[in-house]
């Protein structure tokens, strides 16, 4: 148990309610106990009395009396449990970029980003193993479908998460995907613009192309270009989503008559089409590259290697990665 402390509110904590600030720094402190400390004036901000819903600002000093609880980061890290140590190891293998504000992972196909029905393991829960010494858990700022592999950006601080999320909302990011699709699209490169609507089904949410003005529909825009093709059978597409709708690239690929190989929801092959031998029936969609403003300065530009099942397909077909630079 420590004595009286004066803790400075950090930039990433701007606007936090005081009770939430205490929950972040002293997770073992109950709300009732905190209320008693506030009423008695033992907890103060810049020397003044405050309430639980007071909003703190960077640079303010929070007076913390002796507490019978540890601060986050002073007790053994959560990674010491077998399960969390395993999570930490998996995250370390996925890591392809790290700086003081940002992690970028190469998410494997089949790993969910967040929890949900039927999900036993997901990135969001795994990030608990990487809480920092201040107790901050890294924060998701965007999503990838469970079966989509590739670049996943994670903020290391609250302020970084705010700035990165805003960059996604303002469409200041450039996301490049690689896909292997059935057939050959009508043009070598083009813009796909549709309205999409998400509908629940017994097998999970499914998205369909909707009419303009249909209730609940959102506008979606994607761009694509052909990098290489295998006769008239399959095509390697580079795709860029301008908007970020659920299953957008998967639905747009199917919309132009070129569904993504291995897509369990949107690939509907005709009876004359045989699945190529040696190619795994798994979604061939990979978030290859992201370019996004860094929360502090400069730009994050990260490229993720393809997952094993797509690398196998590229080798079988004879696609050359150098073609993507043409």
C-alpha atoms as a PDB file:
ATOM      1  CA  UNK A   1       0.000   0.000   0.000  1.00  0.00           C
ATOM      2  CA  UNK A   2       1.471   3.340  -1.057  1.00  0.00           C
ATOM      3  CA  UNK A   3       1.158   6.753   0.645  1.00  0.00           C
ATOM      4  CA  UNK A   4      -0.592   9.826  -0.800  1.00  0.00           C
ATOM      5  CA  UNK A   5       0.147  10.192  -4.518  1.00  0.00           C
ATOM      6  CA  UNK A   6      -0.249  13.043  -6.975  1.00  0.00           C
ATOM      7  CA  UNK A   7      -0.872  11.541 -10.405  1.00  0.00           C
ATOM      8  CA  UNK A   8      -0.850  13.662 -13.571  1.00  0.00           C
ATOM      9  CA  UNK A   9      -3.689  13.188 -16.055  1.00  0.00           C
ATOM     10  CA  UNK A  10      -2.212  12.264 -19.443  1.00  0.00           C
ATOM     11  CA  UNK A  11      -3.163  13.480 -22.921  1.00  0.00           C
ATOM     12  CA  UNK A  12      -4.881  10.213 -23.778  1.00  0.00           C
ATOM     13  CA  UNK A  13      -7.184  10.608 -20.764  1.00  0.00           C
ATOM     14  CA  UNK A  14      -8.720  13.914 -21.851  1.00  0.00           C
ATOM     15  CA  UNK A  15     -12.407  14.129 -21.008  1.00  0.00           C
ATOM     16  CA  UNK A  16     -12.542  10.915 -18.948  1.00  0.00           C
ATOM     17  CA  UNK A  17     -14.966  10.800 -16.028  1.00  0.00           C
ATOM     18  CA  UNK A  18     -13.068  10.654 -12.761  1.00  0.00           C
ATOM     19  CA  UNK A  19     -14.686   7.349 -11.762  1.00  0.00           C
ATOM     20  CA  UNK A  20     -13.564   5.815 -15.055  1.00  0.00           C
ATOM     21  CA  UNK A  21     -10.081   7.267 -14.568  1.00  0.00           C
ATOM     22  CA  UNK A  22      -9.891   5.483 -11.193  1.00  0.00           C
ATOM     23  CA  UNK A  23     -11.231   2.273 -12.732  1.00  0.00           C
ATOM     24  CA  UNK A  24      -8.396   2.436 -15.285  1.00  0.00           C
ATOM     25  CA  UNK A  25      -5.641   3.130 -12.742  1.00  0.00           C
ATOM     26  CA  UNK A  26      -7.011   1.240  -9.725  1.00  0.00           C
ATOM     27  CA  UNK A  27      -9.281  -1.567 -11.019  1.00  0.00           C
ATOM     28  CA  UNK A  28      -9.626  -3.064  -7.546  1.00  0.00           C
ATOM     29  CA  UNK A  29     -11.165   0.107  -6.068  1.00  0.00           C
ATOM     30  CA  UNK A  30     -14.935  -0.267  -5.688  1.00  0.00           C
ATOM     31  CA  UNK A  31     -17.287   2.559  -6.676  1.00  0.00           C
ATOM     32  CA  UNK A  32     -18.717   2.810  -3.160  1.00  0.00           C
ATOM     33  CA  UNK A  33     -15.232   3.217  -1.663  1.00  0.00           C
ATOM     34  CA  UNK A  34     -14.404   5.894  -4.238  1.00  0.00           C
ATOM     35  CA  UNK A  35     -17.606   7.772  -3.369  1.00  0.00           C
ATOM     36  CA  UNK A  36     -16.618   7.855   0.312  1.00  0.00           C
ATOM     37  CA  UNK A  37     -13.173   9.196  -0.581  1.00  0.00           C
ATOM     38  CA  UNK A  38     -14.752  11.899  -2.739  1.00  0.00           C
ATOM     39  CA  UNK A  39     -17.282  12.933  -0.095  1.00  0.00           C
ATOM     40  CA  UNK A  40     -14.567  13.211   2.544  1.00  0.00           C
ATOM     41  CA  UNK A  41     -12.322  15.242   0.255  1.00  0.00           C
ATOM     42  CA  UNK A  42      -9.527  12.694   0.292  1.00  0.00           C
ATOM     43  CA  UNK A  43      -9.601  12.553  -3.517  1.00  0.00           C
ATOM     44  CA  UNK A  44      -9.082  15.944  -5.149  1.00  0.00           C
ATOM     45  CA  UNK A  45      -8.215  17.324  -8.575  1.00  0.00           C
ATOM     46  CA  UNK A  46      -5.825  20.302  -8.635  1.00  0.00           C
ATOM     47  CA  UNK A  47      -6.529  20.707  -4.924  1.00  0.00           C
ATOM     48  CA  UNK A  48     -10.293  21.075  -5.323  1.00  0.00           C
ATOM     49  CA  UNK A  49     -13.166  18.808  -4.327  1.00  0.00           C
ATOM     50  CA  UNK A  50     -14.711  16.840  -7.181  1.00  0.00           C
ATOM     51  CA  UNK A  51     -17.453  14.339  -7.938  1.00  0.00           C
ATOM     52  CA  UNK A  52     -17.412  10.945  -9.655  1.00  0.00           C
ATOM     53  CA  UNK A  53     -18.714  12.430 -12.915  1.00  0.00           C
ATOM     54  CA  UNK A  54     -16.125  15.238 -13.034  1.00  0.00           C
ATOM     55  CA  UNK A  55     -14.262  15.229 -16.355  1.00  0.00           C
ATOM     56  CA  UNK A  56     -10.471  15.330 -16.072  1.00  0.00           C
ATOM     57  CA  UNK A  57      -8.134  17.139 -18.449  1.00  0.00           C
ATOM     58  CA  UNK A  58      -4.477  16.592 -19.377  1.00  0.00           C
ATOM     59  CA  UNK A  59      -2.023  18.106 -16.902  1.00  0.00           C
ATOM     60  CA  UNK A  60      -4.394  18.083 -13.950  1.00  0.00           C
ATOM     61  CA  UNK A  61      -3.148  16.512 -10.715  1.00  0.00           C
ATOM     62  CA  UNK A  62      -5.278  13.869  -9.054  1.00  0.00           C
ATOM     63  CA  UNK A  63      -4.699  13.425  -5.308  1.00  0.00           C
ATOM     64  CA  UNK A  64      -4.914   9.752  -4.445  1.00  0.00           C
ATOM     65  CA  UNK A  65      -4.907   8.782  -0.746  1.00  0.00           C
ATOM     66  CA  UNK A  66      -3.496   5.475   0.492  1.00  0.00           C
ATOM     67  CA  UNK A  67      -5.600   2.658  -0.954  1.00  0.00           C
ATOM     68  CA  UNK A  68      -5.807  -1.015  -0.056  1.00  0.00           C
ATOM     69  CA  UNK A  69      -5.520  -1.931  -3.724  1.00  0.00           C
ATOM     70  CA  UNK A  70      -2.638  -2.116  -6.183  1.00  0.00           C
ATOM     71  CA  UNK A  71      -2.268   0.138  -9.171  1.00  0.00           C
ATOM     72  CA  UNK A  72      -2.481  -1.496 -12.558  1.00  0.00           C
ATOM     73  CA  UNK A  73       0.954  -2.576 -13.651  1.00  0.00           C
ATOM     74  CA  UNK A  74       2.235  -3.132 -10.092  1.00  0.00           C
ATOM     75  CA  UNK A  75       0.799  -6.614  -9.762  1.00  0.00           C
ATOM     76  CA  UNK A  76       2.027  -9.482 -11.926  1.00  0.00           C
ATOM     77  CA  UNK A  77       1.044  -9.020 -15.551  1.00  0.00           C
ATOM     78  CA  UNK A  78      -1.958 -10.958 -16.830  1.00  0.00           C
ATOM     79  CA  UNK A  79       0.355 -12.656 -19.292  1.00  0.00           C
ATOM     80  CA  UNK A  80       1.593 -14.895 -16.486  1.00  0.00           C
ATOM     81  CA  UNK A  81      -1.439 -17.147 -16.752  1.00  0.00           C
ATOM     82  CA  UNK A  82      -1.034 -20.021 -19.181  1.00  0.00           C
ATOM     83  CA  UNK A  83      -3.917 -18.885 -21.376  1.00  0.00           C
ATOM     84  CA  UNK A  84      -2.765 -15.276 -21.583  1.00  0.00           C
ATOM     85  CA  UNK A  85       0.862 -16.219 -22.090  1.00  0.00           C
ATOM     86  CA  UNK A  86      -0.327 -18.204 -25.088  1.00  0.00           C
ATOM     87  CA  UNK A  87      -2.255 -15.169 -26.339  1.00  0.00           C
ATOM     88  CA  UNK A  88       0.816 -12.973 -25.887  1.00  0.00           C
ATOM     89  CA  UNK A  89       2.926 -15.421 -27.884  1.00  0.00           C
ATOM     90  CA  UNK A  90       0.388 -15.528 -30.731  1.00  0.00           C
ATOM     91  CA  UNK A  91       0.210 -11.724 -30.846  1.00  0.00           C
ATOM     92  CA  UNK A  92       4.008 -11.529 -30.969  1.00  0.00           C
ATOM     93  CA  UNK A  93       4.084 -13.870 -33.991  1.00  0.00           C
ATOM     94  CA  UNK A  94       1.415 -11.759 -35.742  1.00  0.00           C
ATOM     95  CA  UNK A  95       3.196  -8.427 -35.114  1.00  0.00           C
ATOM     96  CA  UNK A  96       4.593  -6.734 -38.236  1.00  0.00           C
ATOM     97  CA  UNK A  97       4.926  -3.122 -37.016  1.00  0.00           C
ATOM     98  CA  UNK A  98       5.406  -1.558 -33.602  1.00  0.00           C
ATOM     99  CA  UNK A  99       6.004   1.978 -32.351  1.00  0.00           C
ATOM    100  CA  UNK A 100       5.094   3.761 -29.080  1.00  0.00           C
ATOM    101  CA  UNK A 101       1.525   4.465 -30.283  1.00  0.00           C
ATOM    102  CA  UNK A 102       0.608   1.718 -32.738  1.00  0.00           C
ATOM    103  CA  UNK A 103       0.732  -2.037 -33.286  1.00  0.00           C
ATOM    104  CA  UNK A 104       0.040  -3.532 -36.724  1.00  0.00           C
ATOM    105  CA  UNK A 105      -0.664  -7.254 -36.914  1.00  0.00           C
ATOM    106  CA  UNK A 106      -0.905  -9.690 -39.813  1.00  0.00           C
ATOM    107  CA  UNK A 107      -4.117 -11.394 -38.727  1.00  0.00           C
ATOM    108  CA  UNK A 108      -4.383 -15.015 -39.843  1.00  0.00           C
ATOM    109  CA  UNK A 109      -7.471 -16.210 -41.695  1.00  0.00           C
ATOM    110  CA  UNK A 110      -9.970 -17.843 -39.343  1.00  0.00           C
ATOM    111  CA  UNK A 111      -9.173 -15.705 -36.293  1.00  0.00           C
ATOM    112  CA  UNK A 112     -12.035 -13.389 -35.317  1.00  0.00           C
ATOM    113  CA  UNK A 113     -11.264  -9.773 -34.470  1.00  0.00           C
ATOM    114  CA  UNK A 114     -14.034  -9.519 -31.874  1.00  0.00           C
ATOM    115  CA  UNK A 115     -16.201 -11.935 -29.934  1.00  0.00           C
ATOM    116  CA  UNK A 116     -19.602 -13.134 -31.078  1.00  0.00           C
ATOM    117  CA  UNK A 117     -21.757 -16.202 -31.524  1.00  0.00           C
ATOM    118  CA  UNK A 118     -19.605 -19.286 -31.935  1.00  0.00           C
ATOM    119  CA  UNK A 119     -16.356 -17.350 -31.387  1.00  0.00           C
ATOM    120  CA  UNK A 120     -14.054 -18.962 -28.819  1.00  0.00           C
ATOM    121  CA  UNK A 121     -10.947 -16.837 -29.433  1.00  0.00           C
ATOM    122  CA  UNK A 122     -10.588 -13.320 -30.817  1.00  0.00           C
ATOM    123  CA  UNK A 123      -7.982 -10.580 -31.124  1.00  0.00           C
ATOM    124  CA  UNK A 124      -9.815  -8.165 -28.822  1.00  0.00           C
ATOM    125  CA  UNK A 125      -9.728 -10.612 -25.916  1.00  0.00           C
ATOM    126  CA  UNK A 126      -6.151 -11.614 -26.688  1.00  0.00           C
ATOM    127  CA  UNK A 127      -5.039  -7.981 -26.374  1.00  0.00           C
ATOM    128  CA  UNK A 128      -5.695  -8.260 -22.623  1.00  0.00           C
ATOM    129  CA  UNK A 129      -2.328 -10.031 -22.464  1.00  0.00           C
ATOM    130  CA  UNK A 130      -0.602  -6.882 -23.740  1.00  0.00           C
ATOM    131  CA  UNK A 131      -1.836  -4.321 -21.234  1.00  0.00           C
ATOM    132  CA  UNK A 132       0.956  -1.838 -20.565  1.00  0.00           C
ATOM    133  CA  UNK A 133       2.424  -0.847 -17.206  1.00  0.00           C
ATOM    134  CA  UNK A 134      -0.301   1.810 -16.828  1.00  0.00           C
ATOM    135  CA  UNK A 135      -2.967  -0.820 -17.303  1.00  0.00           C
ATOM    136  CA  UNK A 136      -4.004   0.337 -20.776  1.00  0.00           C
ATOM    137  CA  UNK A 137      -5.262  -2.366 -23.077  1.00  0.00           C
ATOM    138  CA  UNK A 138      -4.478  -1.867 -26.799  1.00  0.00           C
ATOM    139  CA  UNK A 139      -7.601  -0.761 -28.679  1.00  0.00           C
ATOM    140  CA  UNK A 140      -9.067  -1.944 -31.976  1.00  0.00           C
ATOM    141  CA  UNK A 141      -9.694   0.888 -34.442  1.00  0.00           C
ATOM    142  CA  UNK A 142     -11.056  -1.115 -37.405  1.00  0.00           C
ATOM    143  CA  UNK A 143     -12.143  -4.641 -38.271  1.00  0.00           C
ATOM    144  CA  UNK A 144     -11.464  -7.511 -40.651  1.00  0.00           C
ATOM    145  CA  UNK A 145     -13.846 -10.370 -41.384  1.00  0.00           C
ATOM    146  CA  UNK A 146     -12.971 -13.555 -39.532  1.00  0.00           C
ATOM    147  CA  UNK A 147     -11.892 -15.375 -42.713  1.00  0.00           C
ATOM    148  CA  UNK A 148     -10.010 -12.370 -44.151  1.00  0.00           C
ATOM    149  CA  UNK A 149      -6.299 -12.239 -43.373  1.00  0.00           C
ATOM    150  CA  UNK A 150      -3.937  -9.302 -43.300  1.00  0.00           C
ATOM    151  CA  UNK A 151      -3.142  -5.914 -41.808  1.00  0.00           C
ATOM    152  CA  UNK A 152      -4.964  -5.012 -38.603  1.00  0.00           C
ATOM    153  CA  UNK A 153      -4.127  -1.702 -36.927  1.00  0.00           C
ATOM    154  CA  UNK A 154      -4.359  -1.482 -33.127  1.00  0.00           C
ATOM    155  CA  UNK A 155      -3.844   1.645 -31.014  1.00  0.00           C
ATOM    156  CA  UNK A 156      -1.664   1.411 -27.927  1.00  0.00           C
ATOM    157  CA  UNK A 157      -3.190   4.427 -26.144  1.00  0.00           C
ATOM    158  CA  UNK A 158      -6.609   6.046 -25.831  1.00  0.00           C
ATOM    159  CA  UNK A 159      -5.480   9.205 -27.657  1.00  0.00           C
ATOM    160  CA  UNK A 160      -3.933   7.182 -30.492  1.00  0.00           C
ATOM    161  CA  UNK A 161      -7.210   5.262 -30.822  1.00  0.00           C
ATOM    162  CA  UNK A 162      -9.172   8.509 -31.132  1.00  0.00           C
ATOM    163  CA  UNK A 163      -6.881   9.844 -33.871  1.00  0.00           C
ATOM    164  CA  UNK A 164      -6.732   6.580 -35.821  1.00  0.00           C
ATOM    165  CA  UNK A 165     -10.496   6.088 -35.622  1.00  0.00           C
ATOM    166  CA  UNK A 166     -11.011   9.595 -36.941  1.00  0.00           C
ATOM    167  CA  UNK A 167      -8.643   8.863 -39.848  1.00  0.00           C
ATOM    168  CA  UNK A 168     -10.812   5.870 -40.781  1.00  0.00           C
ATOM    169  CA  UNK A 169     -14.027   7.898 -40.478  1.00  0.00           C
ATOM    170  CA  UNK A 170     -12.557  10.715 -42.573  1.00  0.00           C
ATOM    171  CA  UNK A 171     -11.359   8.182 -45.177  1.00  0.00           C
ATOM    172  CA  UNK A 172      -7.783   9.345 -44.861  1.00  0.00           C
ATOM    173  CA  UNK A 173      -6.605   5.751 -45.101  1.00  0.00           C
ATOM    174  CA  UNK A 174      -5.712   3.698 -48.145  1.00  0.00           C
ATOM    175  CA  UNK A 175      -6.454  -0.009 -47.776  1.00  0.00           C
ATOM    176  CA  UNK A 176      -5.308  -2.447 -50.454  1.00  0.00           C
ATOM    177  CA  UNK A 177      -6.588  -6.017 -50.641  1.00  0.00           C
ATOM    178  CA  UNK A 178      -5.548  -8.963 -52.786  1.00  0.00           C
ATOM    179  CA  UNK A 179      -8.196 -11.412 -53.922  1.00  0.00           C
ATOM    180  CA  UNK A 180      -8.350 -14.506 -56.087  1.00  0.00           C
ATOM    181  CA  UNK A 181     -11.658 -14.531 -57.933  1.00  0.00           C
ATOM    182  CA  UNK A 182     -13.511 -16.794 -60.309  1.00  0.00           C
ATOM    183  CA  UNK A 183     -13.472 -15.767 -63.975  1.00  0.00           C
ATOM    184  CA  UNK A 184     -12.359 -12.432 -65.395  1.00  0.00           C
ATOM    185  CA  UNK A 185     -14.040  -9.083 -64.653  1.00  0.00           C
ATOM    186  CA  UNK A 186     -15.560  -7.067 -67.525  1.00  0.00           C
ATOM    187  CA  UNK A 187     -12.847  -4.384 -67.352  1.00  0.00           C
ATOM    188  CA  UNK A 188      -9.162  -4.342 -66.437  1.00  0.00           C
ATOM    189  CA  UNK A 189      -9.892  -1.757 -63.781  1.00  0.00           C
ATOM    190  CA  UNK A 190     -13.086  -0.094 -62.666  1.00  0.00           C
ATOM    191  CA  UNK A 191     -15.148   1.466 -59.904  1.00  0.00           C
ATOM    192  CA  UNK A 192     -17.987  -0.513 -58.306  1.00  0.00           C
ATOM    193  CA  UNK A 193     -20.745   1.625 -56.813  1.00  0.00           C
ATOM    194  CA  UNK A 194     -23.836   0.024 -55.254  1.00  0.00           C
ATOM    195  CA  UNK A 195     -26.191   0.213 -52.313  1.00  0.00           C
ATOM    196  CA  UNK A 196     -25.809  -2.592 -49.786  1.00  0.00           C
ATOM    197  CA  UNK A 197     -28.116  -3.864 -47.080  1.00  0.00           C
ATOM    198  CA  UNK A 198     -27.271  -6.282 -44.261  1.00  0.00           C
ATOM    199  CA  UNK A 199     -29.818  -8.925 -43.346  1.00  0.00           C
ATOM    200  CA  UNK A 200     -29.724 -11.549 -40.575  1.00  0.00           C
ATOM    201  CA  UNK A 201     -29.895 -15.207 -41.612  1.00  0.00           C
ATOM    202  CA  UNK A 202     -29.657 -18.494 -39.674  1.00  0.00           C
ATOM    203  CA  UNK A 203     -26.007 -18.660 -40.813  1.00  0.00           C
ATOM    204  CA  UNK A 204     -25.156 -15.131 -39.698  1.00  0.00           C
ATOM    205  CA  UNK A 205     -25.441 -11.747 -41.361  1.00  0.00           C
ATOM    206  CA  UNK A 206     -25.564 -11.668 -45.138  1.00  0.00           C
ATOM    207  CA  UNK A 207     -25.266  -8.598 -47.336  1.00  0.00           C
ATOM    208  CA  UNK A 208     -27.021  -8.045 -50.652  1.00  0.00           C
ATOM    209  CA  UNK A 209     -27.046  -5.355 -53.296  1.00  0.00           C
ATOM    210  CA  UNK A 210     -30.076  -3.115 -52.718  1.00  0.00           C
ATOM    211  CA  UNK A 211     -32.004  -0.568 -54.725  1.00  0.00           C
ATOM    212  CA  UNK A 212     -31.138   3.105 -54.306  1.00  0.00           C
ATOM    213  CA  UNK A 213     -33.355   4.456 -51.551  1.00  0.00           C
ATOM    214  CA  UNK A 214     -34.184   1.074 -50.043  1.00  0.00           C
ATOM    215  CA  UNK A 215     -34.665   1.414 -46.299  1.00  0.00           C
ATOM    216  CA  UNK A 216     -31.568   0.465 -44.343  1.00  0.00           C
ATOM    217  CA  UNK A 217     -29.268   0.434 -47.380  1.00  0.00           C
ATOM    218  CA  UNK A 218     -25.847   2.118 -47.347  1.00  0.00           C
ATOM    219  CA  UNK A 219     -23.859   3.372 -50.329  1.00  0.00           C
ATOM    220  CA  UNK A 220     -20.678   1.406 -50.992  1.00  0.00           C
ATOM    221  CA  UNK A 221     -17.816   2.174 -53.367  1.00  0.00           C
ATOM    222  CA  UNK A 222     -14.868  -0.062 -54.245  1.00  0.00           C
ATOM    223  CA  UNK A 223     -12.135   0.062 -56.884  1.00  0.00           C
ATOM    224  CA  UNK A 224     -10.359  -2.855 -58.496  1.00  0.00           C
ATOM    225  CA  UNK A 225      -7.657  -3.610 -61.050  1.00  0.00           C
ATOM    226  CA  UNK A 226      -6.557  -6.856 -62.651  1.00  0.00           C
ATOM    227  CA  UNK A 227      -2.999  -7.792 -61.745  1.00  0.00           C
ATOM    228  CA  UNK A 228      -2.830 -11.177 -63.467  1.00  0.00           C
ATOM    229  CA  UNK A 229      -5.169 -13.862 -64.727  1.00  0.00           C
ATOM    230  CA  UNK A 230      -5.082 -17.605 -65.323  1.00  0.00           C
ATOM    231  CA  UNK A 231      -6.693 -17.987 -68.742  1.00  0.00           C
ATOM    232  CA  UNK A 232     -10.408 -17.252 -68.289  1.00  0.00           C
ATOM    233  CA  UNK A 233     -10.617 -19.321 -65.114  1.00  0.00           C
ATOM    234  CA  UNK A 234      -9.351 -17.123 -62.280  1.00  0.00           C
ATOM    235  CA  UNK A 235      -8.056 -13.601 -61.725  1.00  0.00           C
ATOM    236  CA  UNK A 236      -5.803 -11.966 -59.193  1.00  0.00           C
ATOM    237  CA  UNK A 237      -7.474  -8.690 -58.253  1.00  0.00           C
ATOM    238  CA  UNK A 238      -6.189  -5.739 -56.311  1.00  0.00           C
ATOM    239  CA  UNK A 239      -9.169  -4.155 -54.546  1.00  0.00           C
ATOM    240  CA  UNK A 240      -9.529  -0.898 -52.623  1.00  0.00           C
ATOM    241  CA  UNK A 241     -12.628  -0.159 -50.538  1.00  0.00           C
ATOM    242  CA  UNK A 242     -13.463   3.548 -50.450  1.00  0.00           C
ATOM    243  CA  UNK A 243     -16.277   2.959 -47.970  1.00  0.00           C
ATOM    244  CA  UNK A 244     -16.152   0.360 -45.210  1.00  0.00           C
ATOM    245  CA  UNK A 245     -19.366  -1.665 -45.297  1.00  0.00           C
ATOM    246  CA  UNK A 246     -19.725  -5.192 -43.949  1.00  0.00           C
ATOM    247  CA  UNK A 247     -18.533  -7.796 -46.499  1.00  0.00           C
ATOM    248  CA  UNK A 248     -18.214  -4.980 -49.050  1.00  0.00           C
ATOM    249  CA  UNK A 249     -15.421  -6.394 -51.221  1.00  0.00           C
ATOM    250  CA  UNK A 250     -16.887  -9.882 -51.118  1.00  0.00           C
ATOM    251  CA  UNK A 251     -20.310  -8.682 -52.274  1.00  0.00           C
ATOM    252  CA  UNK A 252     -18.843  -6.335 -54.890  1.00  0.00           C
ATOM    253  CA  UNK A 253     -16.690  -9.093 -56.370  1.00  0.00           C
ATOM    254  CA  UNK A 254     -19.750 -11.334 -56.691  1.00  0.00           C
ATOM    255  CA  UNK A 255     -21.733  -8.397 -58.096  1.00  0.00           C
ATOM    256  CA  UNK A 256     -19.407  -8.097 -61.120  1.00  0.00           C
ATOM    257  CA  UNK A 257     -19.637 -11.851 -61.719  1.00  0.00           C
ATOM    258  CA  UNK A 258     -16.308 -12.717 -60.102  1.00  0.00           C
ATOM    259  CA  UNK A 259     -16.932 -14.097 -56.609  1.00  0.00           C
ATOM    260  CA  UNK A 260     -13.905 -14.596 -54.391  1.00  0.00           C
ATOM    261  CA  UNK A 261     -12.565 -18.138 -54.352  1.00  0.00           C
ATOM    262  CA  UNK A 262     -13.547 -19.984 -51.173  1.00  0.00           C
ATOM    263  CA  UNK A 263     -16.130 -17.430 -50.040  1.00  0.00           C
ATOM    264  CA  UNK A 264     -18.718 -19.472 -48.096  1.00  0.00           C
ATOM    265  CA  UNK A 265     -21.405 -16.785 -48.333  1.00  0.00           C
ATOM    266  CA  UNK A 266     -21.144 -15.242 -51.779  1.00  0.00           C
ATOM    267  CA  UNK A 267     -19.495 -17.822 -54.045  1.00  0.00           C
ATOM    268  CA  UNK A 268     -22.191 -19.533 -56.070  1.00  0.00           C
ATOM    269  CA  UNK A 269     -20.478 -21.474 -58.841  1.00  0.00           C
ATOM    270  CA  UNK A 270     -22.427 -22.915 -61.743  1.00  0.00           C
ATOM    271  CA  UNK A 271     -22.534 -26.673 -62.275  1.00  0.00           C
ATOM    272  CA  UNK A 272     -19.904 -26.504 -65.033  1.00  0.00           C
ATOM    273  CA  UNK A 273     -17.236 -24.958 -62.793  1.00  0.00           C
ATOM    274  CA  UNK A 274     -14.838 -27.284 -61.000  1.00  0.00           C
ATOM    275  CA  UNK A 275     -12.862 -26.142 -57.992  1.00  0.00           C
ATOM    276  CA  UNK A 276      -9.185 -26.151 -59.079  1.00  0.00           C
ATOM    277  CA  UNK A 277      -7.200 -29.076 -57.758  1.00  0.00           C
ATOM    278  CA  UNK A 278      -4.718 -28.260 -55.006  1.00  0.00           C
ATOM    279  CA  UNK A 279      -6.387 -24.953 -54.117  1.00  0.00           C
ATOM    280  CA  UNK A 280      -7.936 -24.894 -50.666  1.00  0.00           C
ATOM    281  CA  UNK A 281     -11.617 -24.036 -50.353  1.00  0.00           C
ATOM    282  CA  UNK A 282     -10.920 -21.096 -48.042  1.00  0.00           C
ATOM    283  CA  UNK A 283     -11.579 -17.391 -48.520  1.00  0.00           C
ATOM    284  CA  UNK A 284      -8.881 -15.911 -50.765  1.00  0.00           C
ATOM    285  CA  UNK A 285      -9.076 -12.323 -49.540  1.00  0.00           C
ATOM    286  CA  UNK A 286      -6.079 -10.662 -47.898  1.00  0.00           C
ATOM    287  CA  UNK A 287      -5.673  -7.136 -46.499  1.00  0.00           C
ATOM    288  CA  UNK A 288      -2.315  -6.618 -48.157  1.00  0.00           C
ATOM    289  CA  UNK A 289      -1.389  -3.028 -47.264  1.00  0.00           C
ATOM    290  CA  UNK A 290      -2.542  -0.029 -45.256  1.00  0.00           C
ATOM    291  CA  UNK A 291      -1.391   3.584 -45.432  1.00  0.00           C
ATOM    292  CA  UNK A 292      -2.726   5.763 -42.610  1.00  0.00           C
ATOM    293  CA  UNK A 293      -1.656   8.991 -40.872  1.00  0.00           C
ATOM    294  CA  UNK A 294       0.324   8.262 -37.715  1.00  0.00           C
ATOM    295  CA  UNK A 295      -1.313   9.566 -34.508  1.00  0.00           C
ATOM    296  CA  UNK A 296       1.750  11.749 -33.816  1.00  0.00           C
ATOM    297  CA  UNK A 297       3.316  12.598 -37.164  1.00  0.00           C
ATOM    298  CA  UNK A 298       4.132  11.044 -40.489  1.00  0.00           C
ATOM    299  CA  UNK A 299       2.482   8.039 -42.050  1.00  0.00           C
ATOM    300  CA  UNK A 300       2.180   4.348 -41.227  1.00  0.00           C
ATOM    301  CA  UNK A 301       2.691   2.248 -44.367  1.00  0.00           C
ATOM    302  CA  UNK A 302       2.664  -1.486 -43.689  1.00  0.00           C
ATOM    303  CA  UNK A 303       2.433  -4.507 -45.993  1.00  0.00           C
ATOM    304  CA  UNK A 304       1.467  -7.999 -44.808  1.00  0.00           C
ATOM    305  CA  UNK A 305       2.697 -11.265 -46.360  1.00  0.00           C
ATOM    306  CA  UNK A 306      -0.013 -13.542 -47.742  1.00  0.00           C
ATOM    307  CA  UNK A 307      -1.398 -16.387 -45.615  1.00  0.00           C
ATOM    308  CA  UNK A 308      -0.200 -19.939 -46.366  1.00  0.00           C
ATOM    309  CA  UNK A 309      -3.344 -21.045 -48.239  1.00  0.00           C
ATOM    310  CA  UNK A 310      -3.137 -18.070 -50.626  1.00  0.00           C
ATOM    311  CA  UNK A 311       0.620 -18.476 -51.076  1.00  0.00           C
ATOM    312  CA  UNK A 312      -0.035 -22.101 -52.010  1.00  0.00           C
ATOM    313  CA  UNK A 313      -2.630 -21.036 -54.593  1.00  0.00           C
ATOM    314  CA  UNK A 314      -0.303 -18.419 -56.103  1.00  0.00           C
ATOM    315  CA  UNK A 315       2.429 -21.042 -56.460  1.00  0.00           C
ATOM    316  CA  UNK A 316       0.058 -23.585 -58.054  1.00  0.00           C
ATOM    317  CA  UNK A 317      -1.308 -21.066 -60.548  1.00  0.00           C
ATOM    318  CA  UNK A 318       2.086 -19.526 -61.253  1.00  0.00           C
ATOM    319  CA  UNK A 319       1.273 -15.946 -60.267  1.00  0.00           C
ATOM    320  CA  UNK A 320       4.318 -13.743 -59.705  1.00  0.00           C
ATOM    321  CA  UNK A 321       4.236 -11.165 -56.889  1.00  0.00           C
ATOM    322  CA  UNK A 322       6.301  -8.817 -59.038  1.00  0.00           C
ATOM    323  CA  UNK A 323       3.249  -8.398 -61.265  1.00  0.00           C
ATOM    324  CA  UNK A 324       1.597  -6.356 -58.510  1.00  0.00           C
ATOM    325  CA  UNK A 325       4.171  -3.611 -58.958  1.00  0.00           C
ATOM    326  CA  UNK A 326       3.479  -3.143 -62.653  1.00  0.00           C
END
